[in-house]
Structure formats: C-alpha cells, structure tokens
Amino acid sequence: MKKNQNFTERFLKTEDHIKIAINHYDSKSNSVIIIAHGWYMCKDSKYFKAMSEDFFRNHDVITMDFRGHGNSAGFYTFTAEEPEDLKTVVNYAKQRYSKIGLIGFSLGAAISIIHTARYNDIDSLIAVSAPVSFDKIESYIFKKEAVIPTYQKFELFRSLSIRPGNILLNKIKPIEVVQDILSAPVLFISGGKDPTIYPWHSQELYNKACNKKSLSIFDDDFHAEDLYINSRERFMNECNDWLSILERVENEKRVENTCSV
C-alpha cells in the first residue's frame, strides 16, 4: 500500500491469482466511480490521474490497472480474462460503498459492459468508445486522427509497462450481452471522428440496450480518453450532469416511497 496526497495505491488479487493495482481516492463518501482504462493506458497516466482528480471533486474514485498494464501483473488478453480484474475491483468497492458507478474507455468500456451484464451489481455505467465486439474494431492506426493523438499521449513509463498476452482467446461480444444490463442506466459516448472504434459501435450498443440509456456523440473528437483531453469541460459536464440526474431521480423515488408508507 502506497499513500499519495489524494489517493492510496492498493493491490488486490483476482480469483486467477493476478495482482491488480488500484488508486483509491477516498473522501469517506458512500458512493464511488470506478474508472477502467483501455488498451495501452494505465491509472498513472497523467490523463487518467487528471480525470480521477476531476471526478474526485464530486465522487470517491477508484482507478485501476488491468492485467498487463501499469503496476498490475499478468498479461493483457484483450477482454478475454480482464472481466476477472474488474470483478475483483468491484468486490473491493462493495466493502465500502452502497452505490457504485463505472466508467470504461475503449476495451475498458467493453469489459465494463460485460461485467455489468453478467453481475448487474453496478448502479450506473458510462461506456466511452465501446466496441460491439473486438473483431469489429476498425483500428486505422496510420490515419492522422490516430497517429497524432497517440504521439501526443506518449509516456515512456506507460509504454514499458504494457505486456500483451494471447490475443486469440475467446471473447464475449458486448453487443451480445448489453441487453442483459438491468441494474444500471447506461450513457454511451463516442467521438464522431474516432479512427479506432467508429461511432456506429455506440449507436448499435445503444439500440440493443434495454435499460434506461442515453447516447452522446462528440462530433469533432476522436477516441476514448481523447474526448476528455480535447474537450475536458464538455466531457466532465456530460458525465457529471448525467450522474446528477440519476441521483436526483433516485432521491425523488426515495421520497415517494417514504410518503407511500
């Protein structure tokens, strides 16, 4: 365990014995937001640290490293085994919090959909640049829309921490399970110029989802955390306003239930 100014780094163990690192921003609230990064990112990236601090103004925050990234152990399997990582972090959060929100980026959004559909133990889900399935990802990595943001985000320590594993393992397709999400309203967010996961992915997932849902397209933005980097104020307002609406509706229901007793 390592204490920082605003967070404590902790290490958890998955059921398949993989060490998972988290940063826990704890103000003793009763609710928390779990942030799940995508491929080639990590919790200690300056962008995810900044995002964590921004969310921490209104919520407790847990930012995690998936296996094969950052300070976590193991090898990344591109959504095949990573749901075990998220399950471990959610179970940790359940020990402290009565309400758990989840925000996932790219493959982290895919993993978040898979987890929520399987366990329905999340109260709200924000899926940023989620793919309908791994094999449908466009990933035009040599387009300038992909090359320039990737270059601008480069961090040597993060690149050296990435350990890819078996990409050929069977994977659950988010589009085949998103309709099973019953516990959590879902906000799908996508960049209109995303060169990696085109916005039609979010549209298809939105169409298939059965629970309360919203869809927001950032027309001039690109992929995953790029929406936060390029449009920080809009992105944070979009997420926080949506979460505030959910909280207000929940409070109104609580008042109605009290009055009906």
C-alpha atoms as a PDB file:
ATOM      1  CA  MET A   1       0.000   0.000   0.000  1.00  0.00           C
ATOM      2  CA  LYS A   2       1.380   3.399  -1.013  1.00  0.00           C
ATOM      3  CA  LYS A   3      -0.125   6.688   0.190  1.00  0.00           C
ATOM      4  CA  ASN A   4      -0.225   9.744  -2.088  1.00  0.00           C
ATOM      5  CA  GLN A   5      -1.624  13.202  -1.429  1.00  0.00           C
ATOM      6  CA  ASN A   6      -5.132  12.417  -2.691  1.00  0.00           C
ATOM      7  CA  PHE A   7      -5.103   8.659  -3.159  1.00  0.00           C
ATOM      8  CA  THR A   8      -3.780   5.404  -1.779  1.00  0.00           C
ATOM      9  CA  GLU A   9      -2.359   2.766  -4.112  1.00  0.00           C
ATOM     10  CA  ARG A  10      -3.518  -0.715  -3.152  1.00  0.00           C
ATOM     11  CA  PHE A  11      -3.037  -4.182  -4.608  1.00  0.00           C
ATOM     12  CA  LEU A  12      -5.819  -6.747  -4.976  1.00  0.00           C
ATOM     13  CA  LYS A  13      -5.706 -10.393  -6.076  1.00  0.00           C
ATOM     14  CA  THR A  14      -8.062 -11.877  -8.673  1.00  0.00           C
ATOM     15  CA  GLU A  15      -9.533 -15.358  -8.437  1.00  0.00           C
ATOM     16  CA  ASP A  16      -6.977 -16.483 -11.038  1.00  0.00           C
ATOM     17  CA  HIS A  17      -4.191 -15.059  -8.812  1.00  0.00           C
ATOM     18  CA  ILE A  18      -3.306 -11.922 -10.778  1.00  0.00           C
ATOM     19  CA  LYS A  19      -2.196  -8.855  -8.796  1.00  0.00           C
ATOM     20  CA  ILE A  20      -4.286  -5.801  -9.709  1.00  0.00           C
ATOM     21  CA  ALA A  21      -3.188  -2.270  -8.772  1.00  0.00           C
ATOM     22  CA  ILE A  22      -5.685   0.466  -7.933  1.00  0.00           C
ATOM     23  CA  ASN A  23      -5.564   4.105  -6.879  1.00  0.00           C
ATOM     24  CA  HIS A  24      -8.284   4.790  -4.298  1.00  0.00           C
ATOM     25  CA  TYR A  25      -9.357   8.425  -3.902  1.00  0.00           C
ATOM     26  CA  ASP A  26     -11.296   8.229  -0.639  1.00  0.00           C
ATOM     27  CA  SER A  27     -13.237  11.071   0.996  1.00  0.00           C
ATOM     28  CA  LYS A  28     -15.422   8.705   3.044  1.00  0.00           C
ATOM     29  CA  SER A  29     -18.380   9.121   0.681  1.00  0.00           C
ATOM     30  CA  ASN A  30     -20.991   6.372   0.319  1.00  0.00           C
ATOM     31  CA  SER A  31     -20.621   6.269  -3.479  1.00  0.00           C
ATOM     32  CA  VAL A  32     -17.706   5.701  -5.831  1.00  0.00           C
ATOM     33  CA  ILE A  33     -16.811   5.874  -9.518  1.00  0.00           C
ATOM     34  CA  ILE A  34     -14.552   3.105 -10.882  1.00  0.00           C
ATOM     35  CA  ILE A  35     -12.507   4.176 -13.923  1.00  0.00           C
ATOM     36  CA  ALA A  36     -11.489   1.389 -16.332  1.00  0.00           C
ATOM     37  CA  HIS A  37      -8.871   2.303 -18.961  1.00  0.00           C
ATOM     38  CA  GLY A  38      -8.425   0.802 -22.417  1.00  0.00           C
ATOM     39  CA  TRP A  39      -5.528  -0.929 -24.153  1.00  0.00           C
ATOM     40  CA  TYR A  40      -2.156   0.807 -23.727  1.00  0.00           C
ATOM     41  CA  MET A  41      -3.309   3.113 -20.934  1.00  0.00           C
ATOM     42  CA  CYS A  42      -2.926   2.923 -17.151  1.00  0.00           C
ATOM     43  CA  LYS A  43      -4.162   4.532 -13.962  1.00  0.00           C
ATOM     44  CA  ASP A  44      -0.968   6.556 -13.510  1.00  0.00           C
ATOM     45  CA  SER A  45      -1.067   8.153 -16.947  1.00  0.00           C
ATOM     46  CA  LYS A  46      -1.194  11.911 -16.431  1.00  0.00           C
ATOM     47  CA  TYR A  47      -4.524  11.972 -18.275  1.00  0.00           C
ATOM     48  CA  PHE A  48      -6.191   9.371 -16.081  1.00  0.00           C
ATOM     49  CA  LYS A  49      -4.737  10.963 -12.960  1.00  0.00           C
ATOM     50  CA  ALA A  50      -6.163  14.320 -14.041  1.00  0.00           C
ATOM     51  CA  MET A  51      -9.511  12.717 -14.841  1.00  0.00           C
ATOM     52  CA  SER A  52      -9.551  10.964 -11.476  1.00  0.00           C
ATOM     53  CA  GLU A  53      -8.932  14.285  -9.727  1.00  0.00           C
ATOM     54  CA  ASP A  54     -11.765  15.888 -11.702  1.00  0.00           C
ATOM     55  CA  PHE A  55     -14.248  13.158 -10.775  1.00  0.00           C
ATOM     56  CA  PHE A  56     -12.972  13.248  -7.180  1.00  0.00           C
ATOM     57  CA  ARG A  57     -14.484  16.717  -6.785  1.00  0.00           C
ATOM     58  CA  ASN A  58     -17.921  15.090  -6.677  1.00  0.00           C
ATOM     59  CA  HIS A  59     -17.320  11.377  -6.034  1.00  0.00           C
ATOM     60  CA  ASP A  60     -14.884   8.965  -4.471  1.00  0.00           C
ATOM     61  CA  VAL A  61     -12.843   7.354  -7.239  1.00  0.00           C
ATOM     62  CA  ILE A  62     -11.084   4.042  -7.839  1.00  0.00           C
ATOM     63  CA  THR A  63      -8.824   3.956 -10.901  1.00  0.00           C
ATOM     64  CA  MET A  64      -7.423   0.554 -11.836  1.00  0.00           C
ATOM     65  CA  ASP A  65      -4.702  -1.057 -13.940  1.00  0.00           C
ATOM     66  CA  PHE A  66      -5.909  -4.053 -15.917  1.00  0.00           C
ATOM     67  CA  ARG A  67      -3.555  -7.038 -16.076  1.00  0.00           C
ATOM     68  CA  GLY A  68      -0.595  -6.435 -18.353  1.00  0.00           C
ATOM     69  CA  HIS A  69      -0.678  -2.683 -17.693  1.00  0.00           C
ATOM     70  CA  GLY A  70       0.978  -0.311 -15.240  1.00  0.00           C
ATOM     71  CA  ASN A  71       1.577  -1.789 -11.798  1.00  0.00           C
ATOM     72  CA  SER A  72      -0.666  -4.818 -12.270  1.00  0.00           C
ATOM     73  CA  ALA A  73       0.778  -8.253 -13.003  1.00  0.00           C
ATOM     74  CA  GLY A  74      -0.051 -10.721 -15.765  1.00  0.00           C
ATOM     75  CA  PHE A  75      -0.591 -10.318 -19.493  1.00  0.00           C
ATOM     76  CA  TYR A  76      -3.373  -8.483 -21.308  1.00  0.00           C
ATOM     77  CA  THR A  77      -5.825 -10.702 -23.194  1.00  0.00           C
ATOM     78  CA  PHE A  78      -7.895  -8.007 -24.922  1.00  0.00           C
ATOM     79  CA  THR A  79     -11.132  -8.528 -22.895  1.00  0.00           C
ATOM     80  CA  ALA A  80     -10.953 -12.347 -22.616  1.00  0.00           C
ATOM     81  CA  GLU A  81      -9.803 -12.533 -18.964  1.00  0.00           C
ATOM     82  CA  GLU A  82      -9.942  -8.887 -17.867  1.00  0.00           C
ATOM     83  CA  PRO A  83     -13.531  -9.155 -16.549  1.00  0.00           C
ATOM     84  CA  GLU A  84     -11.922 -11.018 -13.618  1.00  0.00           C
ATOM     85  CA  ASP A  85      -9.873  -7.889 -12.881  1.00  0.00           C
ATOM     86  CA  LEU A  86     -12.913  -5.647 -12.856  1.00  0.00           C
ATOM     87  CA  LYS A  87     -14.904  -8.122 -10.769  1.00  0.00           C
ATOM     88  CA  THR A  88     -12.139  -8.016  -8.151  1.00  0.00           C
ATOM     89  CA  VAL A  89     -12.164  -4.212  -8.047  1.00  0.00           C
ATOM     90  CA  VAL A  90     -15.967  -4.057  -7.846  1.00  0.00           C
ATOM     91  CA  ASN A  91     -15.946  -6.559  -4.970  1.00  0.00           C
ATOM     92  CA  TYR A  92     -13.395  -4.377  -3.188  1.00  0.00           C
ATOM     93  CA  ALA A  93     -15.642  -1.339  -3.694  1.00  0.00           C
ATOM     94  CA  LYS A  94     -18.680  -3.200  -2.342  1.00  0.00           C
ATOM     95  CA  GLN A  95     -16.961  -3.450   1.040  1.00  0.00           C
ATOM     96  CA  ARG A  96     -17.057   0.352   1.393  1.00  0.00           C
ATOM     97  CA  TYR A  97     -19.773   1.765  -0.843  1.00  0.00           C
ATOM     98  CA  SER A  98     -23.525   1.461  -1.180  1.00  0.00           C
ATOM     99  CA  LYS A  99     -23.528   2.900  -4.705  1.00  0.00           C
ATOM    100  CA  ILE A 100     -21.010   2.073  -7.447  1.00  0.00           C
ATOM    101  CA  GLY A 101     -20.663   3.816 -10.798  1.00  0.00           C
ATOM    102  CA  LEU A 102     -18.445   2.574 -13.604  1.00  0.00           C
ATOM    103  CA  ILE A 103     -16.845   4.438 -16.499  1.00  0.00           C
ATOM    104  CA  GLY A 104     -14.920   2.473 -19.109  1.00  0.00           C
ATOM    105  CA  PHE A 105     -12.882   3.576 -22.111  1.00  0.00           C
ATOM    106  CA  SER A 106     -12.496   1.588 -25.355  1.00  0.00           C
ATOM    107  CA  LEU A 107     -11.741  -2.034 -24.399  1.00  0.00           C
ATOM    108  CA  GLY A 108     -12.253  -0.945 -20.790  1.00  0.00           C
ATOM    109  CA  ALA A 109     -15.787   0.021 -21.834  1.00  0.00           C
ATOM    110  CA  ALA A 110     -16.245  -3.404 -23.431  1.00  0.00           C
ATOM    111  CA  ILE A 111     -15.095  -5.067 -20.199  1.00  0.00           C
ATOM    112  CA  SER A 112     -17.424  -2.805 -18.211  1.00  0.00           C
ATOM    113  CA  ILE A 113     -20.415  -3.815 -20.344  1.00  0.00           C
ATOM    114  CA  ILE A 114     -19.519  -7.495 -19.991  1.00  0.00           C
ATOM    115  CA  HIS A 115     -19.191  -7.219 -16.198  1.00  0.00           C
ATOM    116  CA  THR A 116     -22.391  -5.254 -15.701  1.00  0.00           C
ATOM    117  CA  ALA A 117     -24.393  -7.586 -17.943  1.00  0.00           C
ATOM    118  CA  ARG A 118     -23.056 -10.633 -16.088  1.00  0.00           C
ATOM    119  CA  TYR A 119     -23.490  -9.469 -12.476  1.00  0.00           C
ATOM    120  CA  ASN A 120     -25.863  -6.472 -12.535  1.00  0.00           C
ATOM    121  CA  ASP A 121     -24.144  -5.070  -9.451  1.00  0.00           C
ATOM    122  CA  ILE A 122     -23.393  -1.603 -10.860  1.00  0.00           C
ATOM    123  CA  ASP A 123     -25.643   1.437 -10.321  1.00  0.00           C
ATOM    124  CA  SER A 124     -24.550   3.480 -13.353  1.00  0.00           C
ATOM    125  CA  LEU A 125     -22.383   2.824 -16.407  1.00  0.00           C
ATOM    126  CA  ILE A 126     -20.674   5.240 -18.787  1.00  0.00           C
ATOM    127  CA  ALA A 127     -19.223   3.496 -21.850  1.00  0.00           C
ATOM    128  CA  VAL A 128     -16.817   5.685 -23.844  1.00  0.00           C
ATOM    129  CA  SER A 129     -15.854   4.438 -27.325  1.00  0.00           C
ATOM    130  CA  ALA A 130     -17.105   0.918 -26.634  1.00  0.00           C
ATOM    131  CA  PRO A 131     -16.835  -1.652 -29.472  1.00  0.00           C
ATOM    132  CA  VAL A 132     -19.681  -4.003 -30.369  1.00  0.00           C
ATOM    133  CA  SER A 133     -17.036  -6.749 -30.476  1.00  0.00           C
ATOM    134  CA  PHE A 134     -13.256  -6.979 -30.615  1.00  0.00           C
ATOM    135  CA  ASP A 135     -13.215  -8.326 -34.171  1.00  0.00           C
ATOM    136  CA  LYS A 136     -15.240  -5.358 -35.476  1.00  0.00           C
ATOM    137  CA  ILE A 137     -12.778  -2.682 -34.327  1.00  0.00           C
ATOM    138  CA  GLU A 138     -11.639  -0.594 -37.308  1.00  0.00           C
ATOM    139  CA  SER A 139      -8.282   0.486 -35.804  1.00  0.00           C
ATOM    140  CA  TYR A 140      -6.955   2.570 -38.684  1.00  0.00           C
ATOM    141  CA  ILE A 141      -3.781   3.234 -36.728  1.00  0.00           C
ATOM    142  CA  PHE A 142      -1.970   5.014 -39.561  1.00  0.00           C
ATOM    143  CA  LYS A 143      -4.633   7.672 -40.111  1.00  0.00           C
ATOM    144  CA  LYS A 144      -3.566  11.086 -38.822  1.00  0.00           C
ATOM    145  CA  GLU A 145      -6.556  11.075 -36.436  1.00  0.00           C
ATOM    146  CA  ALA A 146      -4.943   8.054 -34.754  1.00  0.00           C
ATOM    147  CA  VAL A 147      -1.241   8.873 -35.131  1.00  0.00           C
ATOM    148  CA  ILE A 148      -1.331  12.440 -33.792  1.00  0.00           C
ATOM    149  CA  PRO A 149      -3.276  11.736 -30.557  1.00  0.00           C
ATOM    150  CA  THR A 150      -1.163   8.627 -29.910  1.00  0.00           C
ATOM    151  CA  TYR A 151       2.046  10.650 -30.292  1.00  0.00           C
ATOM    152  CA  GLN A 152       0.721  13.443 -28.077  1.00  0.00           C
ATOM    153  CA  LYS A 153      -0.214  10.967 -25.329  1.00  0.00           C
ATOM    154  CA  PHE A 154       3.082   9.066 -25.364  1.00  0.00           C
ATOM    155  CA  GLU A 155       4.557   8.274 -21.928  1.00  0.00           C
ATOM    156  CA  LEU A 156       7.678   6.129 -21.783  1.00  0.00           C
ATOM    157  CA  PHE A 157       6.940   4.572 -18.365  1.00  0.00           C
ATOM    158  CA  ARG A 158       3.489   3.522 -19.535  1.00  0.00           C
ATOM    159  CA  SER A 159       4.721   2.030 -22.809  1.00  0.00           C
ATOM    160  CA  LEU A 160       7.359  -0.005 -20.964  1.00  0.00           C
ATOM    161  CA  SER A 161       4.703  -1.425 -18.627  1.00  0.00           C
ATOM    162  CA  ILE A 162       2.486  -2.927 -21.343  1.00  0.00           C
ATOM    163  CA  ARG A 163       2.571  -6.738 -21.573  1.00  0.00           C
ATOM    164  CA  PRO A 164       0.276  -8.175 -24.268  1.00  0.00           C
ATOM    165  CA  GLY A 165      -0.848 -11.782 -23.941  1.00  0.00           C
ATOM    166  CA  ASN A 166      -2.808 -14.195 -26.105  1.00  0.00           C
ATOM    167  CA  ILE A 167      -4.973 -12.146 -28.468  1.00  0.00           C
ATOM    168  CA  LEU A 168      -6.667 -15.290 -29.837  1.00  0.00           C
ATOM    169  CA  LEU A 169      -8.568 -16.300 -26.689  1.00  0.00           C
ATOM    170  CA  ASN A 170     -12.353 -16.431 -26.962  1.00  0.00           C
ATOM    171  CA  LYS A 171     -14.006 -13.151 -26.060  1.00  0.00           C
ATOM    172  CA  ILE A 172     -17.541 -12.187 -25.090  1.00  0.00           C
ATOM    173  CA  LYS A 173     -19.039  -9.689 -27.540  1.00  0.00           C
ATOM    174  CA  PRO A 174     -20.587  -6.643 -25.836  1.00  0.00           C
ATOM    175  CA  ILE A 175     -23.309  -6.460 -28.487  1.00  0.00           C
ATOM    176  CA  GLU A 176     -24.477  -9.953 -27.490  1.00  0.00           C
ATOM    177  CA  VAL A 177     -24.843  -9.153 -23.773  1.00  0.00           C
ATOM    178  CA  VAL A 178     -25.639  -5.424 -23.492  1.00  0.00           C
ATOM    179  CA  GLN A 179     -29.376  -6.184 -23.387  1.00  0.00           C
ATOM    180  CA  ASP A 180     -28.764  -8.124 -20.149  1.00  0.00           C
ATOM    181  CA  ILE A 181     -27.851  -4.941 -18.258  1.00  0.00           C
ATOM    182  CA  LEU A 182     -30.772  -4.348 -15.890  1.00  0.00           C
ATOM    183  CA  SER A 183     -29.266  -2.697 -12.810  1.00  0.00           C
ATOM    184  CA  ALA A 184     -27.602   0.324 -14.392  1.00  0.00           C
ATOM    185  CA  PRO A 185     -28.686   3.140 -16.689  1.00  0.00           C
ATOM    186  CA  VAL A 186     -26.072   3.446 -19.446  1.00  0.00           C
ATOM    187  CA  LEU A 187     -24.576   6.532 -21.087  1.00  0.00           C
ATOM    188  CA  PHE A 188     -22.814   5.719 -24.361  1.00  0.00           C
ATOM    189  CA  ILE A 189     -20.283   8.348 -25.506  1.00  0.00           C
ATOM    190  CA  SER A 190     -18.373   8.303 -28.781  1.00  0.00           C
ATOM    191  CA  GLY A 191     -16.130  10.563 -30.857  1.00  0.00           C
ATOM    192  CA  GLY A 192     -17.567  11.430 -34.255  1.00  0.00           C
ATOM    193  CA  LYS A 193     -14.087  11.209 -35.821  1.00  0.00           C
ATOM    194  CA  ASP A 194     -12.887   8.145 -33.899  1.00  0.00           C
ATOM    195  CA  PRO A 195     -10.455   6.282 -36.213  1.00  0.00           C
ATOM    196  CA  THR A 196     -10.249   3.242 -33.937  1.00  0.00           C
ATOM    197  CA  ILE A 197     -13.836   2.452 -32.947  1.00  0.00           C
ATOM    198  CA  TYR A 198     -16.271   4.236 -35.243  1.00  0.00           C
ATOM    199  CA  PRO A 199     -19.347   5.885 -33.670  1.00  0.00           C
ATOM    200  CA  TRP A 200     -21.681   3.287 -35.192  1.00  0.00           C
ATOM    201  CA  HIS A 201     -20.479   0.907 -32.453  1.00  0.00           C
ATOM    202  CA  SER A 202     -22.007   3.097 -29.729  1.00  0.00           C
ATOM    203  CA  GLN A 203     -25.157   3.549 -31.798  1.00  0.00           C
ATOM    204  CA  GLU A 204     -25.595  -0.215 -32.190  1.00  0.00           C
ATOM    205  CA  LEU A 205     -24.980  -0.827 -28.494  1.00  0.00           C
ATOM    206  CA  TYR A 206     -27.442   1.932 -27.623  1.00  0.00           C
ATOM    207  CA  ASN A 207     -30.057   0.415 -29.923  1.00  0.00           C
ATOM    208  CA  LYS A 208     -29.607  -3.039 -28.367  1.00  0.00           C
ATOM    209  CA  ALA A 209     -29.583  -1.913 -24.717  1.00  0.00           C
ATOM    210  CA  CYS A 210     -32.880  -2.450 -22.890  1.00  0.00           C
ATOM    211  CA  ASN A 211     -32.414  -0.448 -19.696  1.00  0.00           C
ATOM    212  CA  LYS A 212     -32.502   3.355 -19.348  1.00  0.00           C
ATOM    213  CA  LYS A 213     -29.946   4.685 -21.804  1.00  0.00           C
ATOM    214  CA  SER A 214     -28.505   7.817 -23.397  1.00  0.00           C
ATOM    215  CA  LEU A 215     -26.185   8.425 -26.350  1.00  0.00           C
ATOM    216  CA  SER A 216     -23.829  11.368 -26.870  1.00  0.00           C
ATOM    217  CA  ILE A 217     -21.603  11.890 -29.916  1.00  0.00           C
ATOM    218  CA  PHE A 218     -18.731  14.385 -29.714  1.00  0.00           C
ATOM    219  CA  ASP A 219     -18.732  15.242 -33.420  1.00  0.00           C
ATOM    220  CA  ASP A 220     -15.225  16.714 -33.666  1.00  0.00           C
ATOM    221  CA  ASP A 221     -13.426  14.379 -31.265  1.00  0.00           C
ATOM    222  CA  PHE A 222     -11.553  11.118 -31.604  1.00  0.00           C
ATOM    223  CA  HIS A 223     -11.128   8.056 -29.381  1.00  0.00           C
ATOM    224  CA  ALA A 224     -11.719   7.192 -25.700  1.00  0.00           C
ATOM    225  CA  GLU A 225      -9.733   9.482 -23.361  1.00  0.00           C
ATOM    226  CA  ASP A 226      -9.140  11.874 -26.302  1.00  0.00           C
ATOM    227  CA  LEU A 227     -12.640  13.189 -25.606  1.00  0.00           C
ATOM    228  CA  TYR A 228     -11.507  14.160 -22.119  1.00  0.00           C
ATOM    229  CA  ILE A 229      -8.155  15.528 -23.288  1.00  0.00           C
ATOM    230  CA  ASN A 230      -9.560  17.660 -26.125  1.00  0.00           C
ATOM    231  CA  SER A 231     -12.923  18.622 -24.604  1.00  0.00           C
ATOM    232  CA  ARG A 232     -12.282  18.380 -20.884  1.00  0.00           C
ATOM    233  CA  GLU A 233     -15.026  20.706 -19.672  1.00  0.00           C
ATOM    234  CA  ARG A 234     -17.675  19.286 -22.000  1.00  0.00           C
ATOM    235  CA  PHE A 235     -16.746  15.702 -21.152  1.00  0.00           C
ATOM    236  CA  MET A 236     -16.830  16.249 -17.399  1.00  0.00           C
ATOM    237  CA  ASN A 237     -20.099  18.189 -17.622  1.00  0.00           C
ATOM    238  CA  GLU A 238     -21.649  15.452 -19.756  1.00  0.00           C
ATOM    239  CA  CYS A 239     -20.738  12.763 -17.238  1.00  0.00           C
ATOM    240  CA  ASN A 240     -21.463  14.725 -14.063  1.00  0.00           C
ATOM    241  CA  ASP A 241     -24.764  16.142 -15.327  1.00  0.00           C
ATOM    242  CA  TRP A 242     -25.949  12.657 -16.281  1.00  0.00           C
ATOM    243  CA  LEU A 243     -24.897  11.241 -12.919  1.00  0.00           C
ATOM    244  CA  SER A 244     -26.627  14.131 -11.140  1.00  0.00           C
ATOM    245  CA  ILE A 245     -29.872  13.424 -12.999  1.00  0.00           C
ATOM    246  CA  LEU A 246     -29.702   9.778 -11.930  1.00  0.00           C
ATOM    247  CA  GLU A 247     -29.080  10.796  -8.329  1.00  0.00           C
ATOM    248  CA  ARG A 248     -31.962  13.273  -8.374  1.00  0.00           C
ATOM    249  CA  VAL A 249     -34.357  10.682  -9.806  1.00  0.00           C
ATOM    250  CA  GLU A 250     -33.211   8.174  -7.172  1.00  0.00           C
ATOM    251  CA  ASN A 251     -33.777  10.709  -4.390  1.00  0.00           C
ATOM    252  CA  GLU A 252     -37.251  11.534  -5.720  1.00  0.00           C
ATOM    253  CA  LYS A 253     -38.125   7.834  -5.748  1.00  0.00           C
ATOM    254  CA  ARG A 254     -36.889   7.545  -2.173  1.00  0.00           C
ATOM    255  CA  VAL A 255     -39.166  10.416  -1.127  1.00  0.00           C
ATOM    256  CA  GLU A 256     -42.114   8.850  -2.961  1.00  0.00           C
ATOM    257  CA  ASN A 257     -41.507   5.528  -1.227  1.00  0.00           C
ATOM    258  CA  THR A 258     -41.319   7.248   2.153  1.00  0.00           C
ATOM    259  CA  CYS A 259     -44.583   9.111   1.541  1.00  0.00           C
ATOM    260  CA  SER A 260     -46.387   5.948   0.469  1.00  0.00           C
ATOM    261  CA  VAL A 261     -45.535   4.085   3.665  1.00  0.00           C
END
